Protein backbone atom coordinates (compact mmCIF):
# COMPACT_ATOMS: atom_id res chain seq x y z
CA UNK A 1 -22.15 58.60 -16.52
CA UNK A 2 -24.83 56.61 -15.28
CA UNK A 3 -28.51 57.43 -13.66
CA UNK A 4 -30.45 55.62 -11.32
CA UNK A 5 -32.69 53.25 -12.41
CA UNK A 6 -35.11 54.20 -9.36
CA UNK A 7 -34.21 57.63 -8.25
CA UNK A 8 -33.94 60.95 -10.38
CA UNK A 9 -31.34 63.40 -9.77
CA UNK A 10 -33.15 66.09 -7.36
CA UNK A 11 -33.60 63.10 -5.30
CA UNK A 12 -29.98 62.65 -4.98
CA UNK A 13 -28.24 66.43 -4.77
CA UNK A 14 -29.85 69.58 -2.46
CA UNK A 15 -32.24 72.21 -4.52
CA UNK A 16 -29.40 74.80 -5.77
CA UNK A 17 -27.48 71.76 -7.25
CA UNK A 18 -30.04 70.47 -9.57
CA UNK A 19 -31.18 74.19 -9.84
CA UNK A 20 -27.65 75.05 -11.30
CA UNK A 21 -26.64 72.44 -13.06
CA UNK A 22 -30.47 70.11 -13.39
CA UNK A 23 -29.00 66.83 -15.41
CA UNK A 24 -25.44 67.04 -15.35
CA UNK A 25 -25.67 66.89 -11.62
CA UNK A 26 -25.39 63.07 -11.96
CA UNK A 27 -21.32 64.05 -12.82
CA UNK A 28 -21.03 64.43 -9.26
CA UNK A 29 -22.42 61.30 -7.55
CA UNK A 30 -19.85 57.88 -7.60
CA UNK A 31 -21.30 55.27 -9.91
CA UNK A 32 -21.60 52.80 -7.03
CA UNK A 33 -23.45 54.90 -4.89
CA UNK A 34 -26.09 54.96 -7.77
CA UNK A 35 -25.79 51.22 -8.52
CA UNK A 36 -26.08 50.35 -4.37
CA UNK A 37 -29.48 52.71 -4.08
CA UNK A 38 -30.95 50.77 -7.11
CA UNK A 39 -30.32 48.15 -5.67
CA UNK A 40 -31.44 48.81 -2.15
CA UNK A 41 -34.32 49.75 -3.84
CA UNK A 42 -35.24 46.43 -5.72
CA UNK A 43 -34.00 44.98 -2.52
CA UNK A 44 -36.42 46.33 0.03
CA UNK A 45 -39.34 48.63 -2.11
CA UNK A 46 -39.94 52.58 -1.52
CA UNK A 47 -37.16 54.96 -0.23
CA UNK A 48 -36.35 58.26 0.42
CA UNK A 49 -32.95 60.03 0.08
CA UNK A 50 -33.76 63.90 -0.56
CA UNK A 51 -37.76 65.17 -0.40
CA UNK A 52 -37.27 68.76 -1.04
CA UNK A 53 -38.72 68.28 -4.64
CA UNK A 54 -42.07 67.33 -3.08
CA UNK A 55 -41.67 70.25 -0.50
CA UNK A 56 -40.10 68.24 2.11
CA UNK A 57 -37.06 69.80 4.47
CA UNK A 58 -34.67 66.96 3.26
CA UNK A 59 -31.73 67.92 0.89
CA UNK A 60 -28.64 67.18 2.52
CA UNK A 61 -28.76 63.03 2.34
CA UNK A 62 -27.16 62.89 -0.77
CA UNK A 63 -24.26 64.96 -2.11
CA UNK A 64 -23.16 68.04 0.21
CA UNK A 65 -21.99 71.38 -0.75
CA UNK A 66 -20.26 73.75 1.39
CA UNK A 67 -23.65 75.48 1.97
CA UNK A 68 -25.02 72.80 3.81
CA UNK A 69 -25.05 72.51 7.63
CA UNK A 70 -23.53 69.32 7.92
CA UNK A 71 -20.73 69.62 5.40
CA UNK A 72 -17.70 68.75 5.90
CA UNK A 73 -14.57 68.86 3.99
CA UNK A 74 -13.60 64.97 3.46
CA UNK A 75 -17.14 63.46 3.94
CA UNK A 76 -17.89 61.15 1.82
CA UNK A 77 -21.35 62.96 0.90
CA UNK A 78 -19.09 65.88 -0.19
CA UNK A 79 -17.50 63.35 -3.16
CA UNK A 80 -20.70 62.09 -4.23
CA UNK A 81 -19.85 58.81 -2.45
CA UNK A 82 -22.32 58.91 0.29
CA UNK A 83 -26.47 58.60 0.46
CA UNK A 84 -28.33 58.35 3.64
CA UNK A 85 -31.44 56.32 2.94
CA UNK A 86 -35.16 56.30 4.74
CA UNK A 87 -37.09 52.87 3.90
CA UNK A 88 -40.88 52.62 3.50
CA UNK A 89 -41.42 49.19 4.57
CA UNK A 90 -38.76 48.28 6.90
CA UNK A 91 -36.02 49.96 9.23
CA UNK A 92 -32.79 50.63 8.40
CA UNK A 93 -31.81 48.56 11.15
CA UNK A 94 -33.17 45.71 9.29
CA UNK A 95 -31.32 46.96 6.30
CA UNK A 96 -28.35 47.04 8.44
CA UNK A 97 -28.71 43.47 9.95
CA UNK A 98 -29.53 42.38 5.87
CA UNK A 99 -26.69 43.77 4.57
CA UNK A 100 -24.05 41.93 7.37
CA UNK A 101 -25.55 38.49 6.93
CA UNK A 102 -26.30 38.55 3.32
CA UNK A 103 -22.07 40.48 1.91
CA UNK A 104 -21.74 37.61 -0.96
CA UNK A 105 -25.44 38.64 -2.12
CA UNK A 106 -25.03 42.41 -2.40
CA UNK A 107 -21.44 41.44 -3.83
CA UNK A 108 -22.55 38.94 -6.74
CA UNK A 109 -25.74 41.57 -7.26
CA UNK A 110 -23.70 44.81 -7.26
CA UNK A 111 -20.49 44.07 -7.99
CA UNK A 112 -19.35 46.04 -5.13
CA UNK A 113 -16.89 44.72 -3.01
CA UNK A 114 -16.73 47.19 -0.37
CA UNK A 115 -18.85 49.48 1.53
CA UNK A 116 -19.06 51.32 5.08
CA UNK A 117 -22.41 51.73 7.45
CA UNK A 118 -22.93 53.55 9.91
CA UNK A 119 -24.44 52.46 12.90
CA UNK A 120 -26.66 53.96 15.55
CA UNK A 121 -29.13 56.30 13.74
CA UNK A 122 -32.32 55.84 12.07
CA UNK A 123 -31.60 56.02 8.32
CA UNK A 124 -29.26 53.75 6.54
CA UNK A 125 -25.74 55.90 5.82
CA UNK A 126 -23.92 53.84 3.28
CA UNK A 127 -20.36 55.20 1.24
CA UNK A 128 -18.62 53.70 -0.73
CA UNK A 129 -14.77 55.20 0.16
CA UNK A 130 -11.89 54.32 -1.90
CA UNK A 131 -10.76 50.94 0.00
CA UNK A 132 -9.42 47.42 -0.55
CA UNK A 133 -12.14 45.38 -2.20
CA UNK A 134 -13.45 42.94 0.50
CA UNK A 135 -13.09 45.69 2.51
CA UNK A 136 -16.91 46.12 4.24
CA UNK A 137 -16.85 48.54 7.39
CA UNK A 138 -20.21 48.40 9.54
CA UNK A 139 -18.80 51.41 12.41
CA UNK A 140 -20.52 52.87 14.98
């Protein structure tokens, strides 16, 4: 079970999961999501996934359970393989552009060969579905 260097578990799971499982909730997240979250924070600085711990309204940007209004049974969020990230110092569009232009750099930096990125939203949705190495999808 891997943990993040730059995120606490309560930033990645909804409140009820943290209350039920505490630190054991790390097991619900795919290692690729954790590695990439750390990598992106190191590249782009301050980033937020869930903010419910500090009184914010977001608790469904990491793992999503059936109690989430955004839950879909086959969503990568439901498998702990997706994150929705807001960056403090740059826009999601800038990060998407950087990811497209620097594929080799992030592949070497993370060891992750394939990602899926959703376009046209104000946050960075990134997921790590099981796909052939080298498959990188930037989807509308």
